[in-house]
Amino acid sequence: MSFRNAQAAYPPVQAAGPYACVPGNGDCMLLHHSTATQKASTHPIMDMASMLDGLAASFDQELRDKNRDLGQAQE
């Protein structure tokens, strides 16, 4: 299924006040917001961002090391 077909088949849920409604068929459900769910969803995102920052730093260091080794080999 292409991206456009998927968008047509599964339209995004739109918030309407305290409800989320699916366009076209009018199905709506009450949205629940709590500090516990916000903390539970924020903590893993922050952990993942921290891990990705560490991965990027490791990759950059590895690239610097390889470039240094290449320069030494060419000399």
PDB file of N, CA and C in Angstrom:
ATOM      1  N   MET A   1       0.849  -1.170   0.000  1.00  0.00           N
ATOM      2  CA  MET A   1       0.000   0.000   0.000  1.00  0.00           C
ATOM      3  C   MET A   1       0.900   1.241   0.000  1.00  0.00           C
ATOM      4  N   SER A   2       0.639   2.162  -0.905  1.00  0.00           N
ATOM      5  CA  SER A   2       1.450   3.371  -0.958  1.00  0.00           C
ATOM      6  C   SER A   2       1.094   4.303   0.189  1.00  0.00           C
ATOM      7  N   PHE A   3       1.945   5.292   0.411  1.00  0.00           N
ATOM      8  CA  PHE A   3       1.720   6.247   1.489  1.00  0.00           C
ATOM      9  C   PHE A   3       0.401   6.983   1.299  1.00  0.00           C
ATOM     10  N   ARG A   4       0.123   7.423   0.081  1.00  0.00           N
ATOM     11  CA  ARG A   4      -1.127   8.163  -0.171  1.00  0.00           C
ATOM     12  C   ARG A   4      -2.348   7.286   0.044  1.00  0.00           C
ATOM     13  N   ASN A   5      -2.266   6.028  -0.391  1.00  0.00           N
ATOM     14  CA  ASN A   5      -3.390   5.119  -0.174  1.00  0.00           C
ATOM     15  C   ASN A   5      -3.599   4.850   1.308  1.00  0.00           C
ATOM     16  N   ALA A   6      -2.499   4.740   2.039  1.00  0.00           N
ATOM     17  CA  ALA A   6      -2.609   4.513   3.479  1.00  0.00           C
ATOM     18  C   ALA A   6      -3.248   5.706   4.165  1.00  0.00           C
ATOM     19  N   GLN A   7      -2.898   6.922   3.714  1.00  0.00           N
ATOM     20  CA  GLN A   7      -3.510   8.111   4.301  1.00  0.00           C
ATOM     21  C   GLN A   7      -5.006   8.153   4.020  1.00  0.00           C
ATOM     22  N   ALA A   8      -5.409   7.742   2.822  1.00  0.00           N
ATOM     23  CA  ALA A   8      -6.829   7.732   2.482  1.00  0.00           C
ATOM     24  C   ALA A   8      -7.569   6.649   3.264  1.00  0.00           C
ATOM     25  N   ALA A   9      -6.932   5.490   3.432  1.00  0.00           N
ATOM     26  CA  ALA A   9      -7.575   4.376   4.123  1.00  0.00           C
ATOM     27  C   ALA A   9      -7.641   4.601   5.632  1.00  0.00           C
ATOM     28  N   TYR A  10      -6.607   5.257   6.184  1.00  0.00           N
ATOM     29  CA  TYR A  10      -6.526   5.483   7.631  1.00  0.00           C
ATOM     30  C   TYR A  10      -6.296   6.968   7.895  1.00  0.00           C
ATOM     31  N   PRO A  11      -7.340   7.785   7.806  1.00  0.00           N
ATOM     32  CA  PRO A  11      -7.154   9.218   8.024  1.00  0.00           C
ATOM     33  C   PRO A  11      -6.704   9.504   9.449  1.00  0.00           C
ATOM     34  N   PRO A  12      -5.972  10.595   9.649  1.00  0.00           N
ATOM     35  CA  PRO A  12      -5.497  10.923  10.990  1.00  0.00           C
ATOM     36  C   PRO A  12      -6.641  11.259  11.931  1.00  0.00           C
ATOM     37  N   VAL A  13      -6.435  10.945  13.185  1.00  0.00           N
ATOM     38  CA  VAL A  13      -7.424  11.272  14.212  1.00  0.00           C
ATOM     39  C   VAL A  13      -7.281  12.754  14.542  1.00  0.00           C
ATOM     40  N   GLN A  14      -8.393  13.475  14.587  1.00  0.00           N
ATOM     41  CA  GLN A  14      -8.369  14.900  14.872  1.00  0.00           C
ATOM     42  C   GLN A  14      -8.990  15.161  16.233  1.00  0.00           C
ATOM     43  N   ALA A  15      -8.337  16.029  16.988  1.00  0.00           N
ATOM     44  CA  ALA A  15      -8.862  16.387  18.304  1.00  0.00           C
ATOM     45  C   ALA A  15      -9.921  17.473  18.143  1.00  0.00           C
ATOM     46  N   ALA A  16     -11.034  17.280  18.805  1.00  0.00           N
ATOM     47  CA  ALA A  16     -12.112  18.266  18.809  1.00  0.00           C
ATOM     48  C   ALA A  16     -12.507  18.490  20.252  1.00  0.00           C
ATOM     49  N   GLY A  17     -11.891  19.492  20.870  1.00  0.00           N
ATOM     50  CA  GLY A  17     -12.127  19.720  22.290  1.00  0.00           C
ATOM     51  C   GLY A  17     -11.520  18.569  23.077  1.00  0.00           C
ATOM     52  N   PRO A  18     -12.264  18.019  24.042  1.00  0.00           N
ATOM     53  CA  PRO A  18     -11.724  16.901  24.815  1.00  0.00           C
ATOM     54  C   PRO A  18     -11.907  15.548  24.117  1.00  0.00           C
ATOM     55  N   TYR A  19     -12.337  15.567  22.849  1.00  0.00           N
ATOM     56  CA  TYR A  19     -12.594  14.335  22.118  1.00  0.00           C
ATOM     57  C   TYR A  19     -11.661  14.207  20.920  1.00  0.00           C
ATOM     58  N   ALA A  20     -11.380  12.977  20.523  1.00  0.00           N
ATOM     59  CA  ALA A  20     -10.653  12.697  19.292  1.00  0.00           C
ATOM     60  C   ALA A  20     -11.646  12.034  18.356  1.00  0.00           C
ATOM     61  N   CYS A  21     -11.768  12.580  17.148  1.00  0.00           N
ATOM     62  CA  CYS A  21     -12.747  12.079  16.202  1.00  0.00           C
ATOM     63  C   CYS A  21     -12.060  11.638  14.909  1.00  0.00           C
ATOM     64  N   VAL A  22     -12.522  10.539  14.343  1.00  0.00           N
ATOM     65  CA  VAL A  22     -12.028  10.067  13.058  1.00  0.00           C
ATOM     66  C   VAL A  22     -12.876  10.724  11.986  1.00  0.00           C
ATOM     67  N   PRO A  23     -12.231  11.471  11.047  1.00  0.00           N
ATOM     68  CA  PRO A  23     -13.010  12.136  10.003  1.00  0.00           C
ATOM     69  C   PRO A  23     -13.743  11.111   9.134  1.00  0.00           C
ATOM     70  N   GLY A  24     -14.884  11.488   8.676  1.00  0.00           N
ATOM     71  CA  GLY A  24     -15.636  10.635   7.766  1.00  0.00           C
ATOM     72  C   GLY A  24     -16.718   9.833   8.455  1.00  0.00           C
ATOM     73  N   ASN A  25     -16.374   9.108   9.495  1.00  0.00           N
ATOM     74  CA  ASN A  25     -17.392   8.269  10.120  1.00  0.00           C
ATOM     75  C   ASN A  25     -17.901   8.840  11.439  1.00  0.00           C
ATOM     76  N   GLY A  26     -17.274   9.894  11.946  1.00  0.00           N
ATOM     77  CA  GLY A  26     -17.772  10.574  13.138  1.00  0.00           C
ATOM     78  C   GLY A  26     -17.543   9.855  14.445  1.00  0.00           C
ATOM     79  N   ASP A  27     -16.785   8.758  14.439  1.00  0.00           N
ATOM     80  CA  ASP A  27     -16.489   8.059  15.691  1.00  0.00           C
ATOM     81  C   ASP A  27     -15.612   8.946  16.565  1.00  0.00           C
ATOM     82  N   CYS A  28     -16.050   9.182  17.792  1.00  0.00           N
ATOM     83  CA  CYS A  28     -15.304  10.032  18.717  1.00  0.00           C
ATOM     84  C   CYS A  28     -15.096   9.304  20.040  1.00  0.00           C
ATOM     85  N   MET A  29     -13.968   9.597  20.674  1.00  0.00           N
ATOM     86  CA  MET A  29     -13.709   9.042  21.998  1.00  0.00           C
ATOM     87  C   MET A  29     -13.153  10.136  22.880  1.00  0.00           C
ATOM     88  N   LEU A  30     -13.429  10.051  24.155  1.00  0.00           N
ATOM     89  CA  LEU A  30     -12.967  11.036  25.116  1.00  0.00           C
ATOM     90  C   LEU A  30     -11.477  10.846  25.354  1.00  0.00           C
ATOM     91  N   LEU A  31     -10.701  11.926  25.267  1.00  0.00           N
ATOM     92  CA  LEU A  31      -9.267  11.859  25.525  1.00  0.00           C
ATOM     93  C   LEU A  31      -9.021  12.018  27.021  1.00  0.00           C
ATOM     94  N   HIS A  32      -8.101  11.237  27.546  1.00  0.00           N
ATOM     95  CA  HIS A  32      -7.752  11.315  28.956  1.00  0.00           C
ATOM     96  C   HIS A  32      -6.322  11.831  29.072  1.00  0.00           C
ATOM     97  N   HIS A  33      -6.130  12.852  29.886  1.00  0.00           N
ATOM     98  CA  HIS A  33      -4.807  13.410  30.125  1.00  0.00           C
ATOM     99  C   HIS A  33      -4.515  13.304  31.616  1.00  0.00           C
ATOM    100  N   SER A  34      -3.378  12.753  31.944  1.00  0.00           N
ATOM    101  CA  SER A  34      -2.985  12.688  33.345  1.00  0.00           C
ATOM    102  C   SER A  34      -1.482  12.890  33.442  1.00  0.00           C
ATOM    103  N   THR A  35      -1.041  13.331  34.596  1.00  0.00           N
ATOM    104  CA  THR A  35       0.395  13.541  34.790  1.00  0.00           C
ATOM    105  C   THR A  35       1.138  12.216  34.759  1.00  0.00           C
ATOM    106  N   ALA A  36       0.513  11.147  35.217  1.00  0.00           N
ATOM    107  CA  ALA A  36       1.168   9.838  35.207  1.00  0.00           C
ATOM    108  C   ALA A  36       1.457   9.384  33.781  1.00  0.00           C
ATOM    109  N   THR A  37       0.487   9.548  32.889  1.00  0.00           N
ATOM    110  CA  THR A  37       0.721   9.136  31.503  1.00  0.00           C
ATOM    111  C   THR A  37       1.728  10.056  30.824  1.00  0.00           C
ATOM    112  N   GLN A  38       1.710  11.339  31.151  1.00  0.00           N
ATOM    113  CA  GLN A  38       2.693  12.252  30.568  1.00  0.00           C
ATOM    114  C   GLN A  38       4.104  11.881  31.017  1.00  0.00           C
ATOM    115  N   LYS A  39       4.271  11.562  32.305  1.00  0.00           N
ATOM    116  CA  LYS A  39       5.584  11.141  32.804  1.00  0.00           C
ATOM    117  C   LYS A  39       6.005   9.820  32.165  1.00  0.00           C
ATOM    118  N   ALA A  40       5.058   8.896  32.066  1.00  0.00           N
ATOM    119  CA  ALA A  40       5.368   7.580  31.504  1.00  0.00           C
ATOM    120  C   ALA A  40       5.766   7.676  30.038  1.00  0.00           C
ATOM    121  N   SER A  41       5.186   8.612  29.303  1.00  0.00           N
ATOM    122  CA  SER A  41       5.530   8.740  27.890  1.00  0.00           C
ATOM    123  C   SER A  41       6.753   9.618  27.680  1.00  0.00           C
ATOM    124  N   THR A  42       7.017  10.556  28.568  1.00  0.00           N
ATOM    125  CA  THR A  42       8.156  11.463  28.416  1.00  0.00           C
ATOM    126  C   THR A  42       9.464  10.785  28.786  1.00  0.00           C
ATOM    127  N   HIS A  43       9.475   9.977  29.824  1.00  0.00           N
ATOM    128  CA  HIS A  43      10.708   9.342  30.298  1.00  0.00           C
ATOM    129  C   HIS A  43      11.382   8.480  29.224  1.00  0.00           C
ATOM    130  N   PRO A  44      10.668   7.579  28.554  1.00  0.00           N
ATOM    131  CA  PRO A  44      11.320   6.783  27.507  1.00  0.00           C
ATOM    132  C   PRO A  44      11.832   7.634  26.341  1.00  0.00           C
ATOM    133  N   ILE A  45      11.124   8.702  26.016  1.00  0.00           N
ATOM    134  CA  ILE A  45      11.558   9.574  24.922  1.00  0.00           C
ATOM    135  C   ILE A  45      12.870  10.255  25.293  1.00  0.00           C
ATOM    136  N   MET A  46      12.977  10.715  26.530  1.00  0.00           N
ATOM    137  CA  MET A  46      14.213  11.357  26.976  1.00  0.00           C
ATOM    138  C   MET A  46      15.360  10.351  27.009  1.00  0.00           C
ATOM    139  N   ASP A  47      15.081   9.128  27.455  1.00  0.00           N
ATOM    140  CA  ASP A  47      16.106   8.079  27.463  1.00  0.00           C
ATOM    141  C   ASP A  47      16.578   7.774  26.048  1.00  0.00           C
ATOM    142  N   MET A  48      15.640   7.680  25.120  1.00  0.00           N
ATOM    143  CA  MET A  48      15.986   7.376  23.737  1.00  0.00           C
ATOM    144  C   MET A  48      16.809   8.513  23.134  1.00  0.00           C
ATOM    145  N   ALA A  49      16.442   9.747  23.406  1.00  0.00           N
ATOM    146  CA  ALA A  49      17.201  10.894  22.898  1.00  0.00           C
ATOM    147  C   ALA A  49      18.613  10.885  23.455  1.00  0.00           C
ATOM    148  N   SER A  50      18.758  10.550  24.723  1.00  0.00           N
ATOM    149  CA  SER A  50      20.075  10.459  25.347  1.00  0.00           C
ATOM    150  C   SER A  50      20.912   9.358  24.699  1.00  0.00           C
ATOM    151  N   MET A  51      20.297   8.207  24.441  1.00  0.00           N
ATOM    152  CA  MET A  51      21.012   7.110  23.790  1.00  0.00           C
ATOM    153  C   MET A  51      21.434   7.483  22.375  1.00  0.00           C
ATOM    154  N   LEU A  52      20.561   8.162  21.649  1.00  0.00           N
ATOM    155  CA  LEU A  52      20.908   8.579  20.286  1.00  0.00           C
ATOM    156  C   LEU A  52      22.025   9.610  20.292  1.00  0.00           C
ATOM    157  N   ASP A  53      22.035  10.507  21.275  1.00  0.00           N
ATOM    158  CA  ASP A  53      23.139  11.465  21.403  1.00  0.00           C
ATOM    159  C   ASP A  53      24.451  10.729  21.663  1.00  0.00           C
ATOM    160  N   GLY A  54      24.424   9.731  22.525  1.00  0.00           N
ATOM    161  CA  GLY A  54      25.613   8.934  22.797  1.00  0.00           C
ATOM    162  C   GLY A  54      26.087   8.184  21.564  1.00  0.00           C
ATOM    163  N   LEU A  55      25.141   7.645  20.803  1.00  0.00           N
ATOM    164  CA  LEU A  55      25.480   6.940  19.571  1.00  0.00           C
ATOM    165  C   LEU A  55      26.112   7.890  18.564  1.00  0.00           C
ATOM    166  N   ALA A  56      25.563   9.091  18.431  1.00  0.00           N
ATOM    167  CA  ALA A  56      26.120  10.084  17.508  1.00  0.00           C
ATOM    168  C   ALA A  56      27.526  10.488  17.932  1.00  0.00           C
ATOM    169  N   ALA A  57      27.743  10.669  19.222  1.00  0.00           N
ATOM    170  CA  ALA A  57      29.072  11.033  19.718  1.00  0.00           C
ATOM    171  C   ALA A  57      30.063   9.905  19.454  1.00  0.00           C
ATOM    172  N   SER A  58      29.650   8.658  19.671  1.00  0.00           N
ATOM    173  CA  SER A  58      30.521   7.516  19.400  1.00  0.00           C
ATOM    174  C   SER A  58      30.859   7.423  17.921  1.00  0.00           C
ATOM    175  N   PHE A  59      29.876   7.640  17.076  1.00  0.00           N
ATOM    176  CA  PHE A  59      30.098   7.597  15.633  1.00  0.00           C
ATOM    177  C   PHE A  59      31.075   8.693  15.210  1.00  0.00           C
ATOM    178  N   ASP A  60      30.884   9.903  15.727  1.00  0.00           N
ATOM    179  CA  ASP A  60      31.787  11.007  15.395  1.00  0.00           C
ATOM    180  C   ASP A  60      33.214  10.702  15.830  1.00  0.00           C
ATOM    181  N   GLN A  61      33.385  10.128  17.027  1.00  0.00           N
ATOM    182  CA  GLN A  61      34.717   9.779  17.514  1.00  0.00           C
ATOM    183  C   GLN A  61      35.341   8.691  16.639  1.00  0.00           C
ATOM    184  N   GLU A  62      34.557   7.703  16.279  1.00  0.00           N
ATOM    185  CA  GLU A  62      35.046   6.627  15.413  1.00  0.00           C
ATOM    186  C   GLU A  62      35.468   7.183  14.054  1.00  0.00           C
ATOM    187  N   LEU A  63      34.693   8.108  13.513  1.00  0.00           N
ATOM    188  CA  LEU A  63      35.029   8.729  12.235  1.00  0.00           C
ATOM    189  C   LEU A  63      36.330   9.518  12.339  1.00  0.00           C
ATOM    190  N   ARG A  64      36.505  10.269  13.430  1.00  0.00           N
ATOM    191  CA  ARG A  64      37.760  11.008  13.633  1.00  0.00           C
ATOM    192  C   ARG A  64      38.947  10.053  13.727  1.00  0.00           C
ATOM    193  N   ASP A  65      38.771   8.953  14.465  1.00  0.00           N
ATOM    194  CA  ASP A  65      39.851   7.970  14.604  1.00  0.00           C
ATOM    195  C   ASP A  65      40.211   7.353  13.253  1.00  0.00           C
ATOM    196  N   LYS A  66      39.203   7.006  12.473  1.00  0.00           N
ATOM    197  CA  LYS A  66      39.463   6.395  11.158  1.00  0.00           C
ATOM    198  C   LYS A  66      40.138   7.381  10.226  1.00  0.00           C
ATOM    199  N   ASN A  67      39.721   8.649  10.253  1.00  0.00           N
ATOM    200  CA  ASN A  67      40.368   9.661   9.413  1.00  0.00           C
ATOM    201  C   ASN A  67      41.818   9.867   9.826  1.00  0.00           C
ATOM    202  N   ARG A  68      42.082   9.844  11.129  1.00  0.00           N
ATOM    203  CA  ARG A  68      43.450   9.958  11.617  1.00  0.00           C
ATOM    204  C   ARG A  68      44.282   8.781  11.148  1.00  0.00           C
ATOM    205  N   ASP A  69      43.743   7.561  11.274  1.00  0.00           N
ATOM    206  CA  ASP A  69      44.448   6.357  10.835  1.00  0.00           C
ATOM    207  C   ASP A  69      44.716   6.393   9.330  1.00  0.00           C
ATOM    208  N   LEU A  70      43.746   6.858   8.571  1.00  0.00           N
ATOM    209  CA  LEU A  70      43.908   6.974   7.115  1.00  0.00           C
ATOM    210  C   LEU A  70      45.003   7.965   6.774  1.00  0.00           C
ATOM    211  N   GLY A  71      45.023   9.099   7.452  1.00  0.00           N
ATOM    212  CA  GLY A  71      46.058  10.098   7.224  1.00  0.00           C
ATOM    213  C   GLY A  71      47.446   9.549   7.553  1.00  0.00           C
ATOM    214  N   GLN A  72      47.556   8.794   8.628  1.00  0.00           N
ATOM    215  CA  GLN A  72      48.847   8.190   9.004  1.00  0.00           C
ATOM    216  C   GLN A  72      49.275   7.141   7.989  1.00  0.00           C
ATOM    217  N   ALA A  73      48.309   6.364   7.487  1.00  0.00           N
ATOM    218  CA  ALA A  73      48.635   5.334   6.502  1.00  0.00           C
ATOM    219  C   ALA A  73      49.098   5.968   5.184  1.00  0.00           C
ATOM    220  N   GLN A  74      48.498   7.093   4.798  1.00  0.00           N
ATOM    221  CA  GLN A  74      48.885   7.749   3.559  1.00  0.00           C
ATOM    222  C   GLN A  74      50.255   8.405   3.647  1.00  0.00           C
ATOM    223  N   GLU A  75      50.649   8.807   4.846  1.00  0.00           N
ATOM    224  CA  GLU A  75      51.975   9.406   5.031  1.00  0.00           C
ATOM    225  C   GLU A  75      53.023   8.327   4.895  1.00  0.00           C
TER     226      GLU A  75
END
